[in-house]
Amino acid sequence: VAHITTGGNSYTYISSVKGRFGISRDNAKNTVHLQMN
């Protein structure tokens, strides 16, 4: 669906979710999130 690079500053989405979903990560907490609108 989406991926995010190690530093969290580059993202890629499949076309069907582009503009609706947002991926983010917190390297301090070892977590990755997907905001879906």
PDB file of all heavy atoms in Angstrom:
ATOM      1  N   VAL A   1       0.822  -1.203   0.000  1.00  0.00           N
ATOM      2  CA  VAL A   1       0.000   0.000   0.000  1.00  0.00           C
ATOM      3  C   VAL A   1       0.862   1.261   0.000  1.00  0.00           C
ATOM      4  O   VAL A   1       0.633   2.194  -0.762  1.00  0.00           O
ATOM      5  CB  VAL A   1      -0.935   0.025   1.225  1.00  0.00           C
ATOM      6  CG1 VAL A   1      -1.705   1.342   1.306  1.00  0.00           C
ATOM      7  CG2 VAL A   1      -1.894  -1.155   1.189  1.00  0.00           C
ATOM      8  N   ALA A   2       1.867   1.274   0.875  1.00  0.00           N
ATOM      9  CA  ALA A   2       2.706   2.462   1.007  1.00  0.00           C
ATOM     10  C   ALA A   2       4.012   2.068   1.667  1.00  0.00           C
ATOM     11  O   ALA A   2       4.056   1.090   2.421  1.00  0.00           O
ATOM     12  CB  ALA A   2       2.006   3.525   1.849  1.00  0.00           C
ATOM     13  N   HIS A   3       5.066   2.831   1.390  1.00  0.00           N
ATOM     14  CA  HIS A   3       6.282   2.619   2.150  1.00  0.00           C
ATOM     15  C   HIS A   3       6.971   3.947   2.441  1.00  0.00           C
ATOM     16  O   HIS A   3       6.708   4.949   1.776  1.00  0.00           O
ATOM     17  CB  HIS A   3       7.227   1.616   1.481  1.00  0.00           C
ATOM     18  CG  HIS A   3       7.895   2.079   0.226  1.00  0.00           C
ATOM     19  ND1 HIS A   3       7.445   1.743  -1.033  1.00  0.00           N
ATOM     20  CD2 HIS A   3       9.008   2.818   0.023  1.00  0.00           C
ATOM     21  CE1 HIS A   3       8.243   2.253  -1.939  1.00  0.00           C
ATOM     22  NE2 HIS A   3       9.202   2.916  -1.321  1.00  0.00           N
ATOM     23  N   ILE A   4       7.825   3.922   3.449  1.00  0.00           N
ATOM     24  CA  ILE A   4       8.486   5.131   3.924  1.00  0.00           C
ATOM     25  C   ILE A   4       9.952   4.809   4.177  1.00  0.00           C
ATOM     26  O   ILE A   4      10.288   3.765   4.727  1.00  0.00           O
ATOM     27  CB  ILE A   4       7.785   5.656   5.205  1.00  0.00           C
ATOM     28  CG1 ILE A   4       8.399   6.982   5.672  1.00  0.00           C
ATOM     29  CG2 ILE A   4       7.787   4.621   6.319  1.00  0.00           C
ATOM     30  CD1 ILE A   4       7.563   7.673   6.763  1.00  0.00           C
ATOM     31  N   THR A   5      10.816   5.709   3.752  1.00  0.00           N
ATOM     32  CA  THR A   5      12.247   5.470   3.881  1.00  0.00           C
ATOM     33  C   THR A   5      12.716   5.601   5.329  1.00  0.00           C
ATOM     34  O   THR A   5      11.968   6.030   6.211  1.00  0.00           O
ATOM     35  CB  THR A   5      13.027   6.433   2.983  1.00  0.00           C
ATOM     36  OG1 THR A   5      12.623   7.783   3.281  1.00  0.00           O
ATOM     37  CG2 THR A   5      12.758   6.146   1.510  1.00  0.00           C
ATOM     38  N   THR A   6      13.952   5.254   5.555  1.00  0.00           N
ATOM     39  CA  THR A   6      14.469   5.160   6.919  1.00  0.00           C
ATOM     40  C   THR A   6      14.350   6.474   7.696  1.00  0.00           C
ATOM     41  O   THR A   6      13.997   6.473   8.874  1.00  0.00           O
ATOM     42  CB  THR A   6      15.934   4.716   6.910  1.00  0.00           C
ATOM     43  OG1 THR A   6      16.694   5.607   6.085  1.00  0.00           O
ATOM     44  CG2 THR A   6      16.062   3.290   6.364  1.00  0.00           C
ATOM     45  N   GLY A   7      14.626   7.572   7.043  1.00  0.00           N
ATOM     46  CA  GLY A   7      14.566   8.866   7.710  1.00  0.00           C
ATOM     47  C   GLY A   7      13.180   9.462   7.777  1.00  0.00           C
ATOM     48  O   GLY A   7      12.964  10.490   8.426  1.00  0.00           O
ATOM     49  N   GLY A   8      12.220   8.830   7.115  1.00  0.00           N
ATOM     50  CA  GLY A   8      10.844   9.303   7.154  1.00  0.00           C
ATOM     51  C   GLY A   8      10.554  10.472   6.248  1.00  0.00           C
ATOM     52  O   GLY A   8       9.504  11.105   6.369  1.00  0.00           O
ATOM     53  N   ASN A   9      11.437  10.782   5.302  1.00  0.00           N
ATOM     54  CA  ASN A   9      11.218  11.963   4.470  1.00  0.00           C
ATOM     55  C   ASN A   9      10.888  11.639   3.025  1.00  0.00           C
ATOM     56  O   ASN A   9      10.811  12.532   2.177  1.00  0.00           O
ATOM     57  CB  ASN A   9      12.449  12.877   4.532  1.00  0.00           C
ATOM     58  CG  ASN A   9      13.722  12.153   4.151  1.00  0.00           C
ATOM     59  OD1 ASN A   9      13.693  10.975   3.813  1.00  0.00           O
ATOM     60  ND2 ASN A   9      14.832  12.848   4.203  1.00  0.00           N
ATOM     61  N   SER A  10      10.673  10.381   2.733  1.00  0.00           N
ATOM     62  CA  SER A  10      10.278  10.003   1.383  1.00  0.00           C
ATOM     63  C   SER A  10       9.257   8.881   1.469  1.00  0.00           C
ATOM     64  O   SER A  10       9.441   7.931   2.231  1.00  0.00           O
ATOM     65  CB  SER A  10      11.492   9.561   0.563  1.00  0.00           C
ATOM     66  OG  SER A  10      11.112   9.218  -0.739  1.00  0.00           O
ATOM     67  N   TYR A  11       8.179   9.022   0.696  1.00  0.00           N
ATOM     68  CA  TYR A  11       7.075   8.070   0.774  1.00  0.00           C
ATOM     69  C   TYR A  11       6.645   7.681  -0.629  1.00  0.00           C
ATOM     70  O   TYR A  11       6.793   8.452  -1.567  1.00  0.00           O
ATOM     71  CB  TYR A  11       5.866   8.688   1.487  1.00  0.00           C
ATOM     72  CG  TYR A  11       6.177   9.833   2.398  1.00  0.00           C
ATOM     73  CD1 TYR A  11       6.118  11.142   1.932  1.00  0.00           C
ATOM     74  CD2 TYR A  11       6.533   9.624   3.723  1.00  0.00           C
ATOM     75  CE1 TYR A  11       6.414  12.205   2.754  1.00  0.00           C
ATOM     76  CE2 TYR A  11       6.829  10.689   4.558  1.00  0.00           C
ATOM     77  CZ  TYR A  11       6.767  11.982   4.071  1.00  0.00           C
ATOM     78  OH  TYR A  11       7.068  13.028   4.891  1.00  0.00           O
ATOM     79  N   THR A  12       6.054   6.490  -0.708  1.00  0.00           N
ATOM     80  CA  THR A  12       5.477   6.029  -1.969  1.00  0.00           C
ATOM     81  C   THR A  12       4.151   5.366  -1.670  1.00  0.00           C
ATOM     82  O   THR A  12       4.035   4.622  -0.683  1.00  0.00           O
ATOM     83  CB  THR A  12       6.424   5.036  -2.669  1.00  0.00           C
ATOM     84  OG1 THR A  12       7.685   5.672  -2.883  1.00  0.00           O
ATOM     85  CG2 THR A  12       5.849   4.590  -4.003  1.00  0.00           C
ATOM     86  N   TYR A  13       3.169   5.642  -2.506  1.00  0.00           N
ATOM     87  CA  TYR A  13       1.829   5.085  -2.321  1.00  0.00           C
ATOM     88  C   TYR A  13       1.349   4.450  -3.626  1.00  0.00           C
ATOM     89  O   TYR A  13       1.701   4.911  -4.713  1.00  0.00           O
ATOM     90  CB  TYR A  13       0.833   6.181  -1.932  1.00  0.00           C
ATOM     91  CG  TYR A  13       1.187   6.933  -0.682  1.00  0.00           C
ATOM     92  CD1 TYR A  13       1.931   8.107  -0.738  1.00  0.00           C
ATOM     93  CD2 TYR A  13       0.774   6.472   0.567  1.00  0.00           C
ATOM     94  CE1 TYR A  13       2.268   8.799   0.413  1.00  0.00           C
ATOM     95  CE2 TYR A  13       1.095   7.160   1.724  1.00  0.00           C
ATOM     96  CZ  TYR A  13       1.851   8.321   1.640  1.00  0.00           C
ATOM     97  OH  TYR A  13       2.180   8.999   2.787  1.00  0.00           O
ATOM     98  N   ILE A  14       0.494   3.437  -3.497  1.00  0.00           N
ATOM     99  CA  ILE A  14      -0.159   2.945  -4.700  1.00  0.00           C
ATOM    100  C   ILE A  14      -1.194   3.983  -5.128  1.00  0.00           C
ATOM    101  O   ILE A  14      -1.691   4.767  -4.308  1.00  0.00           O
ATOM    102  CB  ILE A  14      -0.810   1.565  -4.474  1.00  0.00           C
ATOM    103  CG1 ILE A  14      -1.815   1.603  -3.313  1.00  0.00           C
ATOM    104  CG2 ILE A  14       0.267   0.520  -4.244  1.00  0.00           C
ATOM    105  CD1 ILE A  14      -2.619   0.315  -3.172  1.00  0.00           C
ATOM    106  N   SER A  15      -1.516   3.969  -6.390  1.00  0.00           N
ATOM    107  CA  SER A  15      -2.354   5.036  -6.941  1.00  0.00           C
ATOM    108  C   SER A  15      -3.729   5.100  -6.288  1.00  0.00           C
ATOM    109  O   SER A  15      -4.297   6.180  -6.115  1.00  0.00           O
ATOM    110  CB  SER A  15      -2.500   4.861  -8.447  1.00  0.00           C
ATOM    111  OG  SER A  15      -3.042   3.600  -8.756  1.00  0.00           O
ATOM    112  N   SER A  16      -4.269   3.959  -5.895  1.00  0.00           N
ATOM    113  CA  SER A  16      -5.636   3.935  -5.364  1.00  0.00           C
ATOM    114  C   SER A  16      -5.762   4.606  -3.997  1.00  0.00           C
ATOM    115  O   SER A  16      -6.881   4.923  -3.573  1.00  0.00           O
ATOM    116  CB  SER A  16      -6.154   2.496  -5.292  1.00  0.00           C
ATOM    117  OG  SER A  16      -5.330   1.713  -4.451  1.00  0.00           O
ATOM    118  N   VAL A  17      -4.657   4.830  -3.299  1.00  0.00           N
ATOM    119  CA  VAL A  17      -4.733   5.467  -1.981  1.00  0.00           C
ATOM    120  C   VAL A  17      -4.048   6.825  -1.945  1.00  0.00           C
ATOM    121  O   VAL A  17      -4.131   7.532  -0.938  1.00  0.00           O
ATOM    122  CB  VAL A  17      -4.138   4.560  -0.875  1.00  0.00           C
ATOM    123  CG1 VAL A  17      -4.745   3.175  -0.924  1.00  0.00           C
ATOM    124  CG2 VAL A  17      -2.618   4.498  -0.954  1.00  0.00           C
ATOM    125  N   LYS A  18      -3.400   7.196  -3.027  1.00  0.00           N
ATOM    126  CA  LYS A  18      -2.663   8.455  -3.071  1.00  0.00           C
ATOM    127  C   LYS A  18      -3.611   9.618  -2.809  1.00  0.00           C
ATOM    128  O   LYS A  18      -4.698   9.694  -3.381  1.00  0.00           O
ATOM    129  CB  LYS A  18      -1.990   8.609  -4.427  1.00  0.00           C
ATOM    130  CG  LYS A  18      -0.803   9.547  -4.451  1.00  0.00           C
ATOM    131  CD  LYS A  18      -0.057   9.460  -5.765  1.00  0.00           C
ATOM    132  CE  LYS A  18       0.628   8.131  -5.938  1.00  0.00           C
ATOM    133  NZ  LYS A  18       1.449   8.071  -7.172  1.00  0.00           N
ATOM    134  N   GLY A  19      -3.207  10.513  -1.920  1.00  0.00           N
ATOM    135  CA  GLY A  19      -4.035  11.652  -1.556  1.00  0.00           C
ATOM    136  C   GLY A  19      -5.006  11.373  -0.433  1.00  0.00           C
ATOM    137  O   GLY A  19      -5.622  12.297   0.115  1.00  0.00           O
ATOM    138  N   ARG A  20      -5.163  10.110  -0.071  1.00  0.00           N
ATOM    139  CA  ARG A  20      -6.088   9.745   1.017  1.00  0.00           C
ATOM    140  C   ARG A  20      -5.356   9.168   2.226  1.00  0.00           C
ATOM    141  O   ARG A  20      -5.797   9.336   3.357  1.00  0.00           O
ATOM    142  CB  ARG A  20      -7.113   8.717   0.523  1.00  0.00           C
ATOM    143  CG  ARG A  20      -7.961   9.182  -0.638  1.00  0.00           C
ATOM    144  CD  ARG A  20      -9.088   8.198  -0.934  1.00  0.00           C
ATOM    145  NE  ARG A  20      -8.602   6.884  -1.355  1.00  0.00           N
ATOM    146  CZ  ARG A  20      -8.885   5.751  -0.713  1.00  0.00           C
ATOM    147  NH1 ARG A  20      -9.616   5.769   0.389  1.00  0.00           N
ATOM    148  NH2 ARG A  20      -8.414   4.598  -1.194  1.00  0.00           N
ATOM    149  N   PHE A  21      -4.264   8.473   1.980  1.00  0.00           N
ATOM    150  CA  PHE A  21      -3.516   7.809   3.057  1.00  0.00           C
ATOM    151  C   PHE A  21      -2.202   8.546   3.293  1.00  0.00           C
ATOM    152  O   PHE A  21      -1.613   9.114   2.376  1.00  0.00           O
ATOM    153  CB  PHE A  21      -3.196   6.363   2.680  1.00  0.00           C
ATOM    154  CG  PHE A  21      -4.361   5.414   2.692  1.00  0.00           C
ATOM    155  CD1 PHE A  21      -5.670   5.860   2.744  1.00  0.00           C
ATOM    156  CD2 PHE A  21      -4.134   4.039   2.629  1.00  0.00           C
ATOM    157  CE1 PHE A  21      -6.738   4.981   2.746  1.00  0.00           C
ATOM    158  CE2 PHE A  21      -5.191   3.140   2.640  1.00  0.00           C
ATOM    159  CZ  PHE A  21      -6.490   3.607   2.689  1.00  0.00           C
ATOM    160  N   GLY A  22      -1.739   8.502   4.555  1.00  0.00           N
ATOM    161  CA  GLY A  22      -0.445   9.085   4.892  1.00  0.00           C
ATOM    162  C   GLY A  22       0.333   8.149   5.800  1.00  0.00           C
ATOM    163  O   GLY A  22      -0.175   7.709   6.821  1.00  0.00           O
ATOM    164  N   ILE A  23       1.557   7.838   5.404  1.00  0.00           N
ATOM    165  CA  ILE A  23       2.412   6.961   6.203  1.00  0.00           C
ATOM    166  C   ILE A  23       3.424   7.804   6.953  1.00  0.00           C
ATOM    167  O   ILE A  23       3.937   8.808   6.439  1.00  0.00           O
ATOM    168  CB  ILE A  23       3.106   5.900   5.316  1.00  0.00           C
ATOM    169  CG1 ILE A  23       3.829   4.857   6.164  1.00  0.00           C
ATOM    170  CG2 ILE A  23       4.027   6.547   4.282  1.00  0.00           C
ATOM    171  CD1 ILE A  23       4.336   3.650   5.349  1.00  0.00           C
ATOM    172  N   SER A  24       3.704   7.402   8.194  1.00  0.00           N
ATOM    173  CA  SER A  24       4.684   8.112   9.008  1.00  0.00           C
ATOM    174  C   SER A  24       5.374   7.110   9.919  1.00  0.00           C
ATOM    175  O   SER A  24       4.900   5.983  10.078  1.00  0.00           O
ATOM    176  CB  SER A  24       4.013   9.212   9.835  1.00  0.00           C
ATOM    177  OG  SER A  24       3.061   8.668  10.727  1.00  0.00           O
ATOM    178  N   ARG A  25       6.473   7.527  10.514  1.00  0.00           N
ATOM    179  CA  ARG A  25       7.208   6.634  11.407  1.00  0.00           C
ATOM    180  C   ARG A  25       7.835   7.438  12.534  1.00  0.00           C
ATOM    181  O   ARG A  25       8.088   8.645  12.413  1.00  0.00           O
ATOM    182  CB  ARG A  25       8.281   5.874  10.638  1.00  0.00           C
ATOM    183  CG  ARG A  25       9.412   6.733  10.109  1.00  0.00           C
ATOM    184  CD  ARG A  25      10.332   5.931   9.177  1.00  0.00           C
ATOM    185  NE  ARG A  25      11.050   4.884   9.908  1.00  0.00           N
ATOM    186  CZ  ARG A  25      11.598   3.821   9.306  1.00  0.00           C
ATOM    187  NH1 ARG A  25      11.507   3.672   7.988  1.00  0.00           N
ATOM    188  NH2 ARG A  25      12.250   2.936  10.018  1.00  0.00           N
ATOM    189  N   ASP A  26       8.097   6.729  13.626  1.00  0.00           N
ATOM    190  CA  ASP A  26       8.785   7.308  14.774  1.00  0.00           C
ATOM    191  C   ASP A  26       9.934   6.365  15.114  1.00  0.00           C
ATOM    192  O   ASP A  26       9.714   5.312  15.731  1.00  0.00           O
ATOM    193  CB  ASP A  26       7.816   7.460  15.947  1.00  0.00           C
ATOM    194  CG  ASP A  26       8.427   8.166  17.137  1.00  0.00           C
ATOM    195  OD1 ASP A  26       9.666   8.166  17.270  1.00  0.00           O
ATOM    196  OD2 ASP A  26       7.680   8.725  17.952  1.00  0.00           O
ATOM    197  N   ASN A  27      11.128   6.718  14.720  1.00  0.00           N
ATOM    198  CA  ASN A  27      12.270   5.830  14.942  1.00  0.00           C
ATOM    199  C   ASN A  27      12.644   5.722  16.420  1.00  0.00           C
ATOM    200  O   ASN A  27      13.277   4.749  16.822  1.00  0.00           O
ATOM    201  CB  ASN A  27      13.464   6.301  14.127  1.00  0.00           C
ATOM    202  CG  ASN A  27      13.313   5.995  12.648  1.00  0.00           C
ATOM    203  OD1 ASN A  27      12.481   5.165  12.261  1.00  0.00           O
ATOM    204  ND2 ASN A  27      14.086   6.672  11.814  1.00  0.00           N
ATOM    205  N   ALA A  28      12.264   6.696  17.216  1.00  0.00           N
ATOM    206  CA  ALA A  28      12.550   6.629  18.650  1.00  0.00           C
ATOM    207  C   ALA A  28      11.677   5.590  19.335  1.00  0.00           C
ATOM    208  O   ALA A  28      12.068   5.025  20.366  1.00  0.00           O
ATOM    209  CB  ALA A  28      12.353   7.994  19.290  1.00  0.00           C
ATOM    210  N   LYS A  29      10.493   5.367  18.772  1.00  0.00           N
ATOM    211  CA  LYS A  29       9.545   4.426  19.377  1.00  0.00           C
ATOM    212  C   LYS A  29       9.402   3.136  18.579  1.00  0.00           C
ATOM    213  O   LYS A  29       8.617   2.259  18.960  1.00  0.00           O
ATOM    214  CB  LYS A  29       8.185   5.087  19.529  1.00  0.00           C
ATOM    215  CG  LYS A  29       8.181   6.278  20.478  1.00  0.00           C
ATOM    216  CD  LYS A  29       6.794   6.872  20.610  1.00  0.00           C
ATOM    217  CE  LYS A  29       6.802   8.045  21.579  1.00  0.00           C
ATOM    218  NZ  LYS A  29       5.446   8.662  21.702  1.00  0.00           N
ATOM    219  N   ASN A  30      10.126   3.014  17.471  1.00  0.00           N
ATOM    220  CA  ASN A  30      10.020   1.826  16.608  1.00  0.00           C
ATOM    221  C   ASN A  30       8.581   1.580  16.166  1.00  0.00           C
ATOM    222  O   ASN A  30       8.077   0.454  16.242  1.00  0.00           O
ATOM    223  CB  ASN A  30      10.574   0.582  17.308  1.00  0.00           C
ATOM    224  CG  ASN A  30      12.088   0.569  17.369  1.00  0.00           C
ATOM    225  OD1 ASN A  30      12.732   1.566  17.064  1.00  0.00           O
ATOM    226  ND2 ASN A  30      12.657  -0.543  17.793  1.00  0.00           N
ATOM    227  N   THR A  31       7.934   2.652  15.734  1.00  0.00           N
ATOM    228  CA  THR A  31       6.554   2.520  15.284  1.00  0.00           C
ATOM    229  C   THR A  31       6.377   3.135  13.896  1.00  0.00           C
ATOM    230  O   THR A  31       7.091   4.060  13.510  1.00  0.00           O
ATOM    231  CB  THR A  31       5.567   3.203  16.249  1.00  0.00           C
ATOM    232  OG1 THR A  31       5.965   4.575  16.416  1.00  0.00           O
ATOM    233  CG2 THR A  31       5.549   2.524  17.609  1.00  0.00           C
ATOM    234  N   VAL A  32       5.416   2.587  13.185  1.00  0.00           N
ATOM    235  CA  VAL A  32       5.033   3.127  11.881  1.00  0.00           C
ATOM    236  C   VAL A  32       3.514   3.220  11.859  1.00  0.00           C
ATOM    237  O   VAL A  32       2.820   2.373  12.443  1.00  0.00           O
ATOM    238  CB  VAL A  32       5.590   2.274  10.717  1.00  0.00           C
ATOM    239  CG1 VAL A  32       5.105   0.842  10.785  1.00  0.00           C
ATOM    240  CG2 VAL A  32       5.297   2.903   9.374  1.00  0.00           C
ATOM    241  N   HIS A  33       3.009   4.275  11.233  1.00  0.00           N
ATOM    242  CA  HIS A  33       1.580   4.550  11.269  1.00  0.00           C
ATOM    243  C   HIS A  33       1.039   4.738   9.862  1.00  0.00           C
ATOM    244  O   HIS A  33       1.776   5.085   8.935  1.00  0.00           O
ATOM    245  CB  HIS A  33       1.321   5.826  12.087  1.00  0.00           C
ATOM    246  CG  HIS A  33       1.932   5.793  13.439  1.00  0.00           C
ATOM    247  ND1 HIS A  33       1.345   5.141  14.499  1.00  0.00           N
ATOM    248  CD2 HIS A  33       3.099   6.298  13.911  1.00  0.00           C
ATOM    249  CE1 HIS A  33       2.118   5.259  15.567  1.00  0.00           C
ATOM    250  NE2 HIS A  33       3.197   5.954  15.234  1.00  0.00           N
ATOM    251  N   LEU A  34      -0.258   4.510   9.733  1.00  0.00           N
ATOM    252  CA  LEU A  34      -0.924   4.756   8.463  1.00  0.00           C
ATOM    253  C   LEU A  34      -2.218   5.512   8.759  1.00  0.00           C
ATOM    254  O   LEU A  34      -3.150   4.942   9.329  1.00  0.00           O
ATOM    255  CB  LEU A  34      -1.226   3.454   7.721  1.00  0.00           C
ATOM    256  CG  LEU A  34      -1.772   3.618   6.312  1.00  0.00           C
ATOM    257  CD1 LEU A  34      -0.695   4.197   5.389  1.00  0.00           C
ATOM    258  CD2 LEU A  34      -2.266   2.281   5.759  1.00  0.00           C
ATOM    259  N   GLN A  35      -2.242   6.768   8.383  1.00  0.00           N
ATOM    260  CA  GLN A  35      -3.443   7.572   8.514  1.00  0.00           C
ATOM    261  C   GLN A  35      -4.280   7.370   7.260  1.00  0.00           C
ATOM    262  O   GLN A  35      -3.787   7.596   6.150  1.00  0.00           O
ATOM    263  CB  GLN A  35      -3.083   9.061   8.668  1.00  0.00           C
ATOM    264  CG  GLN A  35      -4.282  10.001   8.634  1.00  0.00           C
ATOM    265  CD  GLN A  35      -5.158   9.879   9.859  1.00  0.00           C
ATOM    266  OE1 GLN A  35      -4.672   9.820  10.979  1.00  0.00           O
ATOM    267  NE2 GLN A  35      -6.473   9.835   9.646  1.00  0.00           N
ATOM    268  N   MET A  36      -5.511   6.930   7.440  1.00  0.00           N
ATOM    269  CA  MET A  36      -6.369   6.627   6.299  1.00  0.00           C
ATOM    270  C   MET A  36      -7.605   7.511   6.347  1.00  0.00           C
ATOM    271  O   MET A  36      -8.368   7.451   7.313  1.00  0.00           O
ATOM    272  CB  MET A  36      -6.776   5.155   6.320  1.00  0.00           C
ATOM    273  CG  MET A  36      -5.596   4.196   6.395  1.00  0.00           C
ATOM    274  SD  MET A  36      -6.080   2.460   6.221  1.00  0.00           S
ATOM    275  CE  MET A  36      -7.082   2.259   7.683  1.00  0.00           C
ATOM    276  N   ASN A  37      -7.771   8.326   5.331  1.00  0.00           N
ATOM    277  CA  ASN A  37      -8.908   9.231   5.234  1.00  0.00           C
ATOM    278  C   ASN A  37      -9.754   8.884   4.010  1.00  0.00           C
ATOM    279  O   ASN A  37      -9.298   8.169   3.114  1.00  0.00           O
ATOM    280  CB  ASN A  37      -8.407  10.679   5.115  1.00  0.00           C
ATOM    281  CG  ASN A  37      -7.575  11.110   6.300  1.00  0.00           C
ATOM    282  OD1 ASN A  37      -7.897  10.813   7.448  1.00  0.00           O
ATOM    283  ND2 ASN A  37      -6.491  11.831   6.028  1.00  0.00           N
TER     284      ASN A  37
END
